[in-house]
C-alpha atoms as a PDB file:
ATOM      1  CA  ASP A   1    -150.541  22.300 -96.082  1.00  0.00           C
ATOM      2  CA  GLU A   2    -152.071  21.685 -99.377  1.00  0.00           C
ATOM      3  CA  LEU A   3    -149.076  19.838-100.898  1.00  0.00           C
ATOM      4  CA  LEU A   4    -148.739  17.530 -97.508  1.00  0.00           C
ATOM      5  CA  SER A   5    -152.486  16.701 -97.528  1.00  0.00           C
ATOM      6  CA  MET A   6    -152.279  15.955-101.758  1.00  0.00           C
ATOM      7  CA  ILE A   7    -149.321  13.648-100.613  1.00  0.00           C
ATOM      8  CA  LYS A   8    -151.423  11.779 -97.839  1.00  0.00           C
ATOM      9  CA  GLY A   9    -154.062  11.627 -99.942  1.00  0.00           C
ATOM     10  CA  LEU A  10    -152.139   9.896-102.574  1.00  0.00           C
ATOM     11  CA  VAL A  11    -150.410   7.586-100.127  1.00  0.00           C
ATOM     12  CA  LYS A  12    -153.548   6.451 -98.676  1.00  0.00           C
ATOM     13  CA  LYS A  13    -155.297   5.757-102.234  1.00  0.00           C
ATOM     14  CA  LEU A  14    -151.996   3.718-103.345  1.00  0.00           C
ATOM     15  CA  LYS A  15    -151.918   2.003 -99.940  1.00  0.00           C
ATOM     16  CA  GLY A  16    -152.773  -1.875-100.452  1.00  0.00           C
ATOM     17  CA  THR A  17    -152.209  -1.807-103.805  1.00  0.00           C
ATOM     18  CA  GLY A  18    -148.996  -2.689-104.382  1.00  0.00           C
ATOM     19  CA  LEU A  19    -147.593   0.199-105.660  1.00  0.00           C
ATOM     20  CA  GLU A  20    -146.064   1.685-102.903  1.00  0.00           C
ATOM     21  CA  ALA A  21    -142.593   0.126-103.864  1.00  0.00           C
ATOM     22  CA  ASP A  22    -142.372   2.719-106.612  1.00  0.00           C
ATOM     23  CA  LEU A  23    -142.302   5.257-104.319  1.00  0.00           C
ATOM     24  CA  PRO A  24    -138.317   5.299-103.684  1.00  0.00           C
ATOM     25  CA  MET A  25    -138.327   8.022-101.524  1.00  0.00           C
ATOM     26  CA  LEU A  26    -140.677   6.569 -98.982  1.00  0.00           C
ATOM     27  CA  ARG A  27    -139.053   3.330 -98.932  1.00  0.00           C
ATOM     28  CA  VAL A  28    -137.567   1.795 -95.652  1.00  0.00           C
ATOM     29  CA  PRO A  29    -134.802  -0.324 -95.608  1.00  0.00           C
ATOM     30  CA  GLU A  30    -135.327  -3.787 -93.891  1.00  0.00           C
ATOM     31  CA  LYS A  31    -131.703  -2.952 -92.783  1.00  0.00           C
ATOM     32  CA  VAL A  32    -129.821   0.586 -92.253  1.00  0.00           C
ATOM     33  CA  THR A  33    -126.568   0.044 -93.104  1.00  0.00           C
ATOM     34  CA  ASN A  34    -125.166   3.150 -94.314  1.00  0.00           C
ATOM     35  CA  VAL A  35    -126.380   6.611 -92.643  1.00  0.00           C
ATOM     36  CA  GLY A  36    -125.699  10.336 -93.970  1.00  0.00           C
ATOM     37  CA  ILE A  37    -125.484  13.255 -91.583  1.00  0.00           C
ATOM     38  CA  LEU A  38    -126.332  16.896 -92.928  1.00  0.00           C
ATOM     39  CA  MET A  39    -124.569  18.936 -90.157  1.00  0.00           C
ATOM     40  CA  ILE A  40    -125.900  22.760 -89.767  1.00  0.00           C
ATOM     41  CA  THR A  41    -123.774  25.034 -88.283  1.00  0.00           C
ATOM     42  CA  GLY A  42    -123.451  28.882 -88.794  1.00  0.00           C
ATOM     43  CA  GLN A  43    -121.237  30.713 -91.023  1.00  0.00           C
ATOM     44  CA  ARG A  44    -119.264  32.704 -88.338  1.00  0.00           C
ATOM     45  CA  GLY A  45    -118.821  32.659 -84.776  1.00  0.00           C
ATOM     46  CA  LEU A  46    -120.005  35.667 -81.763  1.00  0.00           C
ATOM     47  CA  CYS A  47    -123.057  33.653 -81.225  1.00  0.00           C
ATOM     48  CA  GLY A  48    -122.282  31.921 -77.780  1.00  0.00           C
ATOM     49  CA  ALA A  49    -122.222  27.971 -78.038  1.00  0.00           C
ATOM     50  CA  TYR A  50    -124.718  27.623 -80.891  1.00  0.00           C
ATOM     51  CA  ASN A  51    -122.064  26.039 -83.289  1.00  0.00           C
ATOM     52  CA  ALA A  52    -120.724  24.014 -80.046  1.00  0.00           C
ATOM     53  CA  PHE A  53    -123.585  22.591 -79.245  1.00  0.00           C
ATOM     54  CA  VAL A  54    -124.499  21.374 -82.703  1.00  0.00           C
ATOM     55  CA  ILE A  55    -121.096  20.195 -83.345  1.00  0.00           C
ATOM     56  CA  LYS A  56    -121.333  18.217 -79.707  1.00  0.00           C
ATOM     57  CA  LYS A  57    -124.955  16.551 -81.348  1.00  0.00           C
ATOM     58  CA  THR A  58    -123.454  15.288 -83.771  1.00  0.00           C
ATOM     59  CA  GLN A  59    -120.510  13.674 -82.040  1.00  0.00           C
ATOM     60  CA  ALA A  60    -123.101  12.034 -79.818  1.00  0.00           C
ATOM     61  CA  ARG A  61    -124.791  10.437 -83.048  1.00  0.00           C
ATOM     62  CA  ILE A  62    -121.257   9.352 -84.527  1.00  0.00           C
ATOM     63  CA  LEU A  63    -120.669   7.561 -81.756  1.00  0.00           C
ATOM     64  CA  ALA A  64    -124.197   5.640 -81.522  1.00  0.00           C
ATOM     65  CA  LEU A  65    -123.635   4.877 -84.934  1.00  0.00           C
ATOM     66  CA  ASN A  66    -120.254   3.879 -84.634  1.00  0.00           C
ATOM     67  CA  GLU A  67    -121.218   1.347 -81.777  1.00  0.00           C
ATOM     68  CA  GLN A  68    -123.492  -0.269 -84.033  1.00  0.00           C
ATOM     69  CA  GLY A  69    -120.894  -0.746 -86.438  1.00  0.00           C
ATOM     70  CA  ILE A  70    -121.860   2.301 -89.311  1.00  0.00           C
ATOM     71  CA  THR A  71    -119.837   4.629 -90.514  1.00  0.00           C
ATOM     72  CA  PRO A  72    -121.835   7.711 -91.509  1.00  0.00           C
ATOM     73  CA  LYS A  73    -121.223   9.857 -94.279  1.00  0.00           C
ATOM     74  CA  LEU A  74    -121.133  13.559 -93.445  1.00  0.00           C
ATOM     75  CA  PHE A  75    -122.566  16.489 -94.922  1.00  0.00           C
ATOM     76  CA  ILE A  76    -121.476  19.699 -94.078  1.00  0.00           C
ATOM     77  CA  VAL A  77    -123.832  23.608 -93.874  1.00  0.00           C
ATOM     78  CA  GLY A  78    -121.681  26.148 -92.781  1.00  0.00           C
ATOM     79  CA  ARG A  79    -118.089  27.184 -92.048  1.00  0.00           C
ATOM     80  CA  LYS A  80    -118.217  26.279 -88.546  1.00  0.00           C
ATOM     81  CA  GLY A  81    -118.789  22.768 -89.632  1.00  0.00           C
ATOM     82  CA  ILE A  82    -115.633  22.825 -91.640  1.00  0.00           C
ATOM     83  CA  GLN A  83    -113.338  24.292 -89.040  1.00  0.00           C
ATOM     84  CA  ALA A  84    -114.637  21.302 -86.645  1.00  0.00           C
ATOM     85  CA  LEU A  85    -112.987  18.543 -88.765  1.00  0.00           C
ATOM     86  CA  THR A  86    -109.808  19.559 -87.757  1.00  0.00           C
ATOM     87  CA  THR A  87    -110.570  20.517 -84.189  1.00  0.00           C
ATOM     88  CA  ARG A  88    -113.523  18.626 -82.677  1.00  0.00           C
ATOM     89  CA  LEU A  89    -114.069  16.025 -85.182  1.00  0.00           C
ATOM     90  CA  GLN A  90    -110.325  15.206 -85.647  1.00  0.00           C
ATOM     91  CA  THR A  91    -109.392  12.570 -83.153  1.00  0.00           C
ATOM     92  CA  ASP A  92    -109.408   9.191 -83.636  1.00  0.00           C
ATOM     93  CA  LYS A  93    -112.494   8.336 -81.692  1.00  0.00           C
ATOM     94  CA  TYR A  94    -114.916   9.543 -84.069  1.00  0.00           C
ATOM     95  CA  LYS A  95    -115.058   7.112 -87.432  1.00  0.00           C
ATOM     96  CA  TYR A  96    -117.183   9.039 -90.397  1.00  0.00           C
ATOM     97  CA  ASN A  97    -116.786   9.716 -94.066  1.00  0.00           C
ATOM     98  CA  TYR A  98    -116.485  13.124 -95.005  1.00  0.00           C
ATOM     99  CA  THR A  99    -118.401  13.397 -98.528  1.00  0.00           C
ATOM    100  CA  GLU A 100    -116.746  16.844 -99.569  1.00  0.00           C
ATOM    101  CA  GLU A 101    -120.430  18.048 -99.796  1.00  0.00           C
ATOM    102  CA  PHE A 102    -120.189  21.674 -98.404  1.00  0.00           C
ATOM    103  CA  TRP A 103    -122.629  24.885 -98.330  1.00  0.00           C
ATOM    104  CA  ALA A 104    -122.209  28.038 -97.026  1.00  0.00           C
ATOM    105  CA  MET A 105    -124.827  29.257 -94.752  1.00  0.00           C
ATOM    106  CA  PRO A 106    -126.323  32.221 -96.250  1.00  0.00           C
ATOM    107  CA  ASP A 107    -127.161  35.204 -94.704  1.00  0.00           C
ATOM    108  CA  THR A 108    -130.358  35.251 -96.637  1.00  0.00           C
ATOM    109  CA  ILE A 109    -132.118  31.657 -97.191  1.00  0.00           C
ATOM    110  CA  LYS A 110    -133.300  31.306-100.315  1.00  0.00           C
ATOM    111  CA  ALA A 111    -135.191  28.660-102.197  1.00  0.00           C
ATOM    112  CA  LYS A 112    -132.703  27.645-104.683  1.00  0.00           C
ATOM    113  CA  ASP A 113    -130.219  27.092-101.215  1.00  0.00           C
ATOM    114  CA  SER A 114    -132.597  24.616 -99.774  1.00  0.00           C
ATOM    115  CA  THR A 115    -132.782  23.052-103.524  1.00  0.00           C
ATOM    116  CA  GLU A 116    -129.569  22.879-103.837  1.00  0.00           C
ATOM    117  CA  ILE A 117    -129.166  20.765-101.055  1.00  0.00           C
ATOM    118  CA  ALA A 118    -131.710  18.610-101.230  1.00  0.00           C
ATOM    119  CA  GLU A 119    -131.077  17.605-104.899  1.00  0.00           C
ATOM    120  CA  THR A 120    -127.661  16.651-103.586  1.00  0.00           C
ATOM    121  CA  ILE A 121    -128.739  14.063-100.468  1.00  0.00           C
ATOM    122  CA  GLU A 122    -131.877  13.099-102.500  1.00  0.00           C
ATOM    123  CA  ASN A 123    -129.335  11.718-105.273  1.00  0.00           C
ATOM    124  CA  TYR A 124    -126.986   9.976-102.329  1.00  0.00           C
ATOM    125  CA  PHE A 125    -130.302   8.356-100.798  1.00  0.00           C
ATOM    126  CA  LEU A 126    -131.781   7.346-104.162  1.00  0.00           C
ATOM    127  CA  SER A 127    -128.392   5.529-105.694  1.00  0.00           C
ATOM    128  CA  GLY A 128    -128.015   3.478-102.639  1.00  0.00           C
ATOM    129  CA  GLU A 129    -124.979   5.427-101.312  1.00  0.00           C
ATOM    130  CA  VAL A 130    -126.972   5.849 -98.070  1.00  0.00           C
ATOM    131  CA  ASP A 131    -130.153   4.267 -96.535  1.00  0.00           C
ATOM    132  CA  LYS A 132    -130.821   7.159 -94.376  1.00  0.00           C
ATOM    133  CA  ILE A 133    -130.245  11.028 -94.081  1.00  0.00           C
ATOM    134  CA  GLU A 134    -130.090  12.619 -90.663  1.00  0.00           C
ATOM    135  CA  ILE A 135    -129.807  16.428 -90.145  1.00  0.00           C
ATOM    136  CA  ALA A 136    -127.985  17.509 -87.062  1.00  0.00           C
ATOM    137  CA  TYR A 137    -129.485  21.213 -86.538  1.00  0.00           C
ATOM    138  CA  SER A 138    -130.583  23.604 -83.638  1.00  0.00           C
ATOM    139  CA  ARG A 139    -134.288  23.934 -83.226  1.00  0.00           C
ATOM    140  CA  PHE A 140    -135.751  27.535 -82.058  1.00  0.00           C
ATOM    141  CA  ILE A 141    -137.751  27.344 -79.025  1.00  0.00           C
ATOM    142  CA  ASN A 142    -137.643  31.359 -77.934  1.00  0.00           C
ATOM    143  CA  LEU A 143    -135.086  33.991 -78.151  1.00  0.00           C
ATOM    144  CA  ILE A 144    -133.058  32.740 -75.019  1.00  0.00           C
ATOM    145  CA  ASN A 145    -133.394  28.978 -75.832  1.00  0.00           C
ATOM    146  CA  ASN A 146    -132.882  26.528 -78.447  1.00  0.00           C
ATOM    147  CA  GLU A 147    -132.056  22.812 -78.591  1.00  0.00           C
ATOM    148  CA  PRO A 148    -129.606  20.859 -80.649  1.00  0.00           C
ATOM    149  CA  THR A 149    -131.768  17.883 -82.771  1.00  0.00           C
ATOM    150  CA  ILE A 150    -131.383  15.063 -84.659  1.00  0.00           C
ATOM    151  CA  ARG A 151    -134.021  14.582 -87.363  1.00  0.00           C
ATOM    152  CA  THR A 152    -134.884  12.152 -89.930  1.00  0.00           C
ATOM    153  CA  LEU A 153    -135.257  13.977 -93.562  1.00  0.00           C
ATOM    154  CA  LEU A 154    -135.227  10.171 -95.664  1.00  0.00           C
ATOM    155  CA  PRO A 155    -137.012   8.093 -96.024  1.00  0.00           C
ATOM    156  CA  LEU A 156    -140.040  10.559 -95.797  1.00  0.00           C
ATOM    157  CA  SER A 157    -142.665   8.807 -93.597  1.00  0.00           C
ATOM    158  CA  PRO A 158    -146.072   8.643 -95.479  1.00  0.00           C
ATOM    159  CA  THR A 159    -148.200   9.056 -92.731  1.00  0.00           C
ATOM    160  CA  GLY A 160    -146.887  11.601 -90.471  1.00  0.00           C
ATOM    161  CA  MET A 161    -144.226  13.791 -92.220  1.00  0.00           C
ATOM    162  CA  GLU A 162    -144.561  16.741 -90.152  1.00  0.00           C
ATOM    163  CA  ASP A 163    -142.927  16.933 -86.606  1.00  0.00           C
ATOM    164  CA  PRO A 164    -145.716  16.857 -83.936  1.00  0.00           C
ATOM    165  CA  GLU A 165    -143.458  19.864 -82.125  1.00  0.00           C
ATOM    166  CA  ASP A 166    -143.428  22.077 -85.524  1.00  0.00           C
ATOM    167  CA  GLU A 167    -144.091  25.261 -85.016  1.00  0.00           C
ATOM    168  CA  THR A 168    -144.225  28.699 -87.071  1.00  0.00           C
ATOM    169  CA  PHE A 169    -142.886  31.710 -85.464  1.00  0.00           C
ATOM    170  CA  LYS A 170    -142.465  35.270 -86.599  1.00  0.00           C
ATOM    171  CA  LEU A 171    -140.126  37.917 -85.111  1.00  0.00           C
ATOM    172  CA  THR A 172    -141.758  41.432 -84.407  1.00  0.00           C
ATOM    173  CA  THR A 173    -140.975  44.138 -81.934  1.00  0.00           C
ATOM    174  CA  GLU A 174    -143.248  45.275 -78.930  1.00  0.00           C
ATOM    175  CA  ASP A 175    -141.987  48.763 -76.876  1.00  0.00           C
ATOM    176  CA  GLY A 176    -138.744  48.864 -79.180  1.00  0.00           C
ATOM    177  CA  LYS A 177    -138.243  45.183 -77.699  1.00  0.00           C
ATOM    178  CA  LEU A 178    -137.936  41.990 -79.988  1.00  0.00           C
ATOM    179  CA  LYS A 179    -140.766  39.725 -79.408  1.00  0.00           C
ATOM    180  CA  VAL A 180    -141.404  36.097 -80.956  1.00  0.00           C
ATOM    181  CA  GLU A 181    -145.048  35.085 -81.922  1.00  0.00           C
ATOM    182  CA  LYS A 182    -145.493  31.062 -82.277  1.00  0.00           C
ATOM    183  CA  GLU A 183    -148.224  28.868 -83.032  1.00  0.00           C
ATOM    184  CA  LYS A 184    -148.661  25.182 -83.212  1.00  0.00           C
ATOM    185  CA  VAL A 185    -148.984  23.596 -86.802  1.00  0.00           C
ATOM    186  CA  LYS A 186    -151.807  21.296 -86.920  1.00  0.00           C
ATOM    187  CA  ALA A 187    -150.898  18.024 -88.925  1.00  0.00           C
ATOM    188  CA  ALA A 188    -152.400  18.130 -92.494  1.00  0.00           C
ATOM    189  CA  LYS A 189    -155.347  15.569 -93.065  1.00  0.00           C
ATOM    190  CA  ALA A 190    -155.464  13.304 -96.071  1.00  0.00           C
ATOM    191  CA  LYS A 191    -157.084  14.847 -99.051  1.00  0.00           C
ATOM    192  CA  GLU A 192    -159.710  12.649 -99.845  1.00  0.00           C
ATOM    193  CA  ILE A 193    -159.792  11.922-103.430  1.00  0.00           C
ATOM    194  CA  GLU A 194    -162.952  10.205-105.029  1.00  0.00           C
ATOM    195  CA  ALA A 195    -162.766   6.813-106.434  1.00  0.00           C
ATOM    196  CA  ASP A 196    -163.872   7.964-109.957  1.00  0.00           C
ATOM    197  CA  VAL A 197    -160.803  10.310-110.167  1.00  0.00           C
ATOM    198  CA  ILE A 198    -159.131   9.911-113.391  1.00  0.00           C
ATOM    199  CA  PHE A 199    -155.287  10.869-113.353  1.00  0.00           C
ATOM    200  CA  ASP A 200    -153.621  11.842-116.029  1.00  0.00           C
ATOM    201  CA  GLN A 201    -150.518  10.135-114.891  1.00  0.00           C
ATOM    202  CA  PRO A 202    -150.360   7.291-112.574  1.00  0.00           C
ATOM    203  CA  PRO A 203    -150.501   8.113-108.694  1.00  0.00           C
ATOM    204  CA  GLN A 204    -146.797   6.713-108.469  1.00  0.00           C
ATOM    205  CA  VAL A 205    -145.880   9.319-110.766  1.00  0.00           C
ATOM    206  CA  LEU A 206    -147.286  12.599-109.456  1.00  0.00           C
ATOM    207  CA  LEU A 207    -146.340  11.024-105.700  1.00  0.00           C
ATOM    208  CA  ASN A 208    -142.406  10.866-107.453  1.00  0.00           C
ATOM    209  CA  ALA A 209    -142.533  14.370-108.811  1.00  0.00           C
ATOM    210  CA  MET A 210    -144.538  16.205-105.659  1.00  0.00           C
ATOM    211  CA  LEU A 211    -142.087  14.058-102.814  1.00  0.00           C
ATOM    212  CA  PRO A 212    -138.738  16.153-103.899  1.00  0.00           C
ATOM    213  CA  LEU A 213    -140.982  19.452-103.352  1.00  0.00           C
ATOM    214  CA  TYR A 214    -141.854  18.385-100.001  1.00  0.00           C
ATOM    215  CA  LEU A 215    -138.234  17.375 -99.252  1.00  0.00           C
ATOM    216  CA  ASN A 216    -137.011  20.971-100.219  1.00  0.00           C
ATOM    217  CA  SER A 217    -139.633  22.854 -98.404  1.00  0.00           C
ATOM    218  CA  GLN A 218    -138.989  20.560 -95.144  1.00  0.00           C
ATOM    219  CA  LEU A 219    -135.353  21.490 -95.686  1.00  0.00           C
ATOM    220  CA  LEU A 220    -136.304  25.155 -96.571  1.00  0.00           C
ATOM    221  CA  SER A 221    -138.151  25.099 -92.982  1.00  0.00           C
ATOM    222  CA  LEU A 222    -135.124  23.912 -91.032  1.00  0.00           C
ATOM    223  CA  LEU A 223    -132.756  26.354 -92.571  1.00  0.00           C
ATOM    224  CA  PHE A 224    -134.956  28.715 -91.248  1.00  0.00           C
ATOM    225  CA  ASP A 225    -135.028  27.216 -87.531  1.00  0.00           C
ATOM    226  CA  ALA A 226    -131.508  27.258 -87.736  1.00  0.00           C
ATOM    227  CA  GLN A 227    -130.716  30.549 -88.751  1.00  0.00           C
ATOM    228  CA  ALA A 228    -133.540  32.095 -86.018  1.00  0.00           C
ATOM    229  CA  SER A 229    -131.638  29.682 -83.391  1.00  0.00           C
ATOM    230  CA  GLU A 230    -128.025  31.374 -84.615  1.00  0.00           C
ATOM    231  CA  LEU A 231    -129.541  34.781 -84.437  1.00  0.00           C
ATOM    232  CA  SER A 232    -131.443  34.399 -81.129  1.00  0.00           C
ATOM    233  CA  SER A 233    -128.053  32.948 -79.913  1.00  0.00           C
ATOM    234  CA  ARG A 234    -125.880  35.913 -81.362  1.00  0.00           C
ATOM    235  CA  MET A 235    -128.564  38.194 -79.775  1.00  0.00           C
ATOM    236  CA  SER A 236    -128.181  36.995 -76.235  1.00  0.00           C
ATOM    237  CA  ALA A 237    -124.188  36.421 -76.688  1.00  0.00           C
ATOM    238  CA  MET A 238    -123.910  40.270 -77.709  1.00  0.00           C
ATOM    239  CA  LYS A 239    -126.271  41.347 -74.992  1.00  0.00           C
ATOM    240  CA  ALA A 240    -124.076  39.484 -72.136  1.00  0.00           C
ATOM    241  CA  ALA A 241    -120.646  41.066 -73.642  1.00  0.00           C
ATOM    242  CA  THR A 242    -122.764  44.446 -73.555  1.00  0.00           C
ATOM    243  CA  ASP A 243    -123.713  43.978 -69.917  1.00  0.00           C
ATOM    244  CA  ASN A 244    -120.056  42.616 -69.079  1.00  0.00           C
ATOM    245  CA  ALA A 245    -118.514  45.492 -70.630  1.00  0.00           C
ATOM    246  CA  LYS A 246    -120.513  47.821 -68.349  1.00  0.00           C
ATOM    247  CA  GLU A 247    -120.370  46.201 -65.610  1.00  0.00           C
ATOM    248  CA  LEU A 248    -116.248  46.484 -66.262  1.00  0.00           C
ATOM    249  CA  GLN A 249    -116.507  49.789 -66.923  1.00  0.00           C
ATOM    250  CA  LYS A 250    -118.141  50.680 -63.725  1.00  0.00           C
ATOM    251  CA  LYS A 251    -115.549  48.595 -61.557  1.00  0.00           C
ATOM    252  CA  LEU A 252    -112.624  50.660 -63.709  1.00  0.00           C
ATOM    253  CA  LEU A 253    -114.402  54.064 -62.973  1.00  0.00           C
ATOM    254  CA  LEU A 254    -114.518  53.339 -59.740  1.00  0.00           C
ATOM    255  CA  LEU A 255    -110.966  52.120 -59.264  1.00  0.00           C
ATOM    256  CA  TYR A 256    -109.595  55.102 -61.427  1.00  0.00           C
ATOM    257  CA  ASN A 257    -111.383  57.548 -59.170  1.00  0.00           C
ATOM    258  CA  LYS A 258    -110.045  55.941 -55.871  1.00  0.00           C
ATOM    259  CA  LYS A 259    -106.588  56.332 -57.384  1.00  0.00           C
ATOM    260  CA  ARG A 260    -107.176  59.480 -58.207  1.00  0.00           C
ATOM    261  CA  GLN A 261    -108.460  60.866 -55.164  1.00  0.00           C
ATOM    262  CA  ALA A 262    -105.586  59.139 -52.841  1.00  0.00           C
ATOM    263  CA  ALA A 263    -102.924  61.143 -55.153  1.00  0.00           C
ATOM    264  CA  ILE A 264    -104.958  64.254 -54.735  1.00  0.00           C
ATOM    265  CA  THR A 265    -104.958  63.746 -50.826  1.00  0.00           C
ATOM    266  CA  ALA A 266    -101.550  62.592 -51.146  1.00  0.00           C
ATOM    267  CA  GLU A 267    -100.565  66.004 -53.022  1.00  0.00           C
ATOM    268  CA  ILE A 268    -102.595  67.759 -50.032  1.00  0.00           C
ATOM    269  CA  CYS A 269    -100.451  66.406 -47.532  1.00  0.00           C
ATOM    270  CA  GLU A 270     -97.509  67.486 -48.938  1.00  0.00           C
ATOM    271  CA  ILE A 271     -98.402  70.863 -49.365  1.00  0.00           C
ATOM    272  CA  SER A 272     -99.548  71.391 -46.503  1.00  0.00           C
ATOM    273  CA  ALA A 273     -96.953  69.677 -44.615  1.00  0.00           C
ATOM    274  CA  ALA A 274     -94.482  72.253 -46.777  1.00  0.00           C
ATOM    275  CA  ALA A 275     -96.606  75.398 -45.415  1.00  0.00           C
ATOM    276  CA  ASN A 276     -96.605  74.667 -42.061  1.00  0.00           C
ATOM    277  CA  ALA A 277     -93.014  73.890 -42.071  1.00  0.00           C
ATOM    278  CA  ILE A 278     -92.266  77.273 -43.529  1.00  0.00           C
ATOM    279  CA  GLU A 279     -94.731  78.850 -40.915  1.00  0.00           C
ATOM    280  CA  SER A 280     -92.860  77.444 -38.268  1.00  0.00           C
ATOM    281  CA  ALA A 281     -89.448  78.663 -39.846  1.00  0.00           C
ATOM    282  CA  ASP A 282     -90.880  82.214 -40.034  1.00  0.00           C
ATOM    283  CA  ALA A 283     -91.848  82.029 -36.770  1.00  0.00           C
ATOM    284  CA  LYS A 284     -88.336  81.525 -35.179  1.00  0.00           C
ATOM    285  CA  GLY A 285     -87.100  84.016 -37.110  1.00  0.00           C
ATOM    286  CA  ALA A 286     -85.150  82.372 -39.335  1.00  0.00           C
ATOM    287  CA  ALA A 287     -85.790  81.783 -43.261  1.00  0.00           C
ATOM    288  CA  GLY A 288     -82.288  80.428 -43.911  1.00  0.00           C
ATOM    289  CA  PRO A 289     -78.291  80.241 -42.873  1.00  0.00           C
ATOM    290  CA  GLY A 290     -77.478  83.412 -41.412  1.00  0.00           C
ATOM    291  CA  LEU A 291     -75.470  86.353 -43.334  1.00  0.00           C
ATOM    292  CA  GLY A 292     -71.476  86.893 -42.860  1.00  0.00           C
ATOM    293  CA  VAL A 293     -69.779  89.115 -40.436  1.00  0.00           C
ATOM    294  CA  MET A 294     -69.484  91.797 -43.120  1.00  0.00           C
ATOM    295  CA  ASP A 295     -72.774  90.928 -44.931  1.00  0.00           C
ATOM    296  CA  ASN A 296     -75.902  92.583 -44.601  1.00  0.00           C
ATOM    297  CA  GLU A 297     -79.049  92.284 -46.433  1.00  0.00           C
ATOM    298  CA  ASP A 298     -78.530  95.069 -48.794  1.00  0.00           C
ATOM    299  CA  SER A 299     -75.216  94.724 -49.976  1.00  0.00           C
ATOM    300  CA  VAL A 300     -74.945  90.634 -50.350  1.00  0.00           C
ATOM    301  CA  ALA A 301     -76.264  90.299 -53.405  1.00  0.00           C
ATOM    302  CA  SER A 302     -74.185  93.001 -55.484  1.00  0.00           C
ATOM    303  CA  ASP A 303     -71.253  91.995 -53.603  1.00  0.00           C
ATOM    304  CA  PHE A 304     -71.901  88.203 -54.530  1.00  0.00           C
ATOM    305  CA  MET A 305     -72.518  89.503 -58.234  1.00  0.00           C
ATOM    306  CA  LYS A 306     -68.972  91.081 -57.916  1.00  0.00           C
ATOM    307  CA  GLU A 307     -67.278  87.952 -56.917  1.00  0.00           C
ATOM    308  CA  LEU A 308     -68.953  85.984 -59.791  1.00  0.00           C
ATOM    309  CA  ASP A 309     -67.992  88.728 -62.271  1.00  0.00           C
ATOM    310  CA  SER A 310     -64.262  88.612 -61.301  1.00  0.00           C
ATOM    311  CA  GLY A 311     -63.670  84.691 -60.559  1.00  0.00           C
ATOM    312  CA  ASP A 312     -63.283  84.623 -56.640  1.00  0.00           C
ATOM    313  CA  VAL A 313     -66.167  82.250 -56.016  1.00  0.00           C
ATOM    314  CA  PRO A 314     -64.131  78.631 -56.793  1.00  0.00           C
ATOM    315  CA  GLU A 315     -65.369  76.383 -59.589  1.00  0.00           C
ATOM    316  CA  ALA A 316     -65.888  73.075 -57.040  1.00  0.00           C
ATOM    317  CA  PRO A 317     -67.228  73.638 -53.531  1.00  0.00           C
ATOM    318  CA  VAL A 318     -65.041  73.932 -50.725  1.00  0.00           C
ATOM    319  CA  SER A 319     -65.506  72.119 -47.447  1.00  0.00           C
ATOM    320  CA  TYR A 320     -65.644  74.197 -44.027  1.00  0.00           C
ATOM    321  CA  ASP A 321     -64.598  71.059 -42.469  1.00  0.00           C
ATOM    322  CA  GLN A 322     -60.783  71.587 -44.339  1.00  0.00           C
ATOM    323  CA  PHE A 323     -60.456  74.934 -42.318  1.00  0.00           C
ATOM    324  CA  GLY A 324     -62.371  74.340 -39.250  1.00  0.00           C
ATOM    325  CA  PRO A 325     -64.526  77.171 -38.076  1.00  0.00           C
ATOM    326  CA  ALA A 326     -63.461  80.251 -39.662  1.00  0.00           C
ATOM    327  CA  THR A 327     -65.597  83.409 -40.868  1.00  0.00           C
ATOM    328  CA  ARG A 328     -66.744  83.962 -44.607  1.00  0.00           C
ATOM    329  CA  GLN A 329     -63.738  86.455 -45.172  1.00  0.00           C
ATOM    330  CA  GLU A 330     -60.769  83.838 -44.178  1.00  0.00           C
ATOM    331  CA  LEU A 331     -61.874  81.463 -46.575  1.00  0.00           C
ATOM    332  CA  PRO A 332     -59.239  80.938 -49.501  1.00  0.00           C
ATOM    333  CA  ALA A 333     -60.167  83.029 -52.366  1.00  0.00           C
END
């Protein structure tokens, strides 16, 4: 806030002096013919539609620029953005130039990461290769909602650099659950600089040194915003997957128990039917084929073993129909 307040104060002091032209990062071109788009995506998937929404927002912006006769230059943050070049952005429907400028989305965002990106897009802007730099990212709203957004990075606005919807947020926990504390960011007021203040260097020189710092801080804030959106989307996607898995587990367990119960019931029915058949046979006094004329219950087992030892029992079964009704003794050996 102090940096932004000082920048606004210096711009206010320079206003009307004709020195605004010495501030290239604030210079708005009369006609925009070249636009650069910085697309911020995730490094990995499993985060719901987070990456898809950002890519779709970029697609819509590319089409809008193509209708104006502008072929934008594309800068990419995140591996999913690179993959989109060969999938969603591959068709001839979208006309753009990929600058080969790519940065991996870090797991832990540091100032050096945003500095590297800011220096690259600043060089493109100051060299005149692009007249405007826009950023496509997902703005964090809450833990279950984020909004794909297009926002202008360069040129910087000398009077309203902050977004009116900017807010600070902090992830905390309450009763073991994640909670977000948000606070609206008030617009910084221009610092009053006395007329008799003597600058060690011309104000425009100071501003040209301060504006890159402000651009870096803005980009760092947007990277944090995008990462918060990605993490909240991943949390929602994993919770939905967990809930679906639990519901599927309940359905499969119910189906397994039904199948198991049906199998047990079938086995019980078979056992009961067999038991009833045995009881019926015992009641009639018939527990198997009748004995021969010369057989009795005491001698049948020993006689059968003698026949086996002597080889009198034929190796192949003999049909009774071949000889007609006969007693056991009349059958051939």
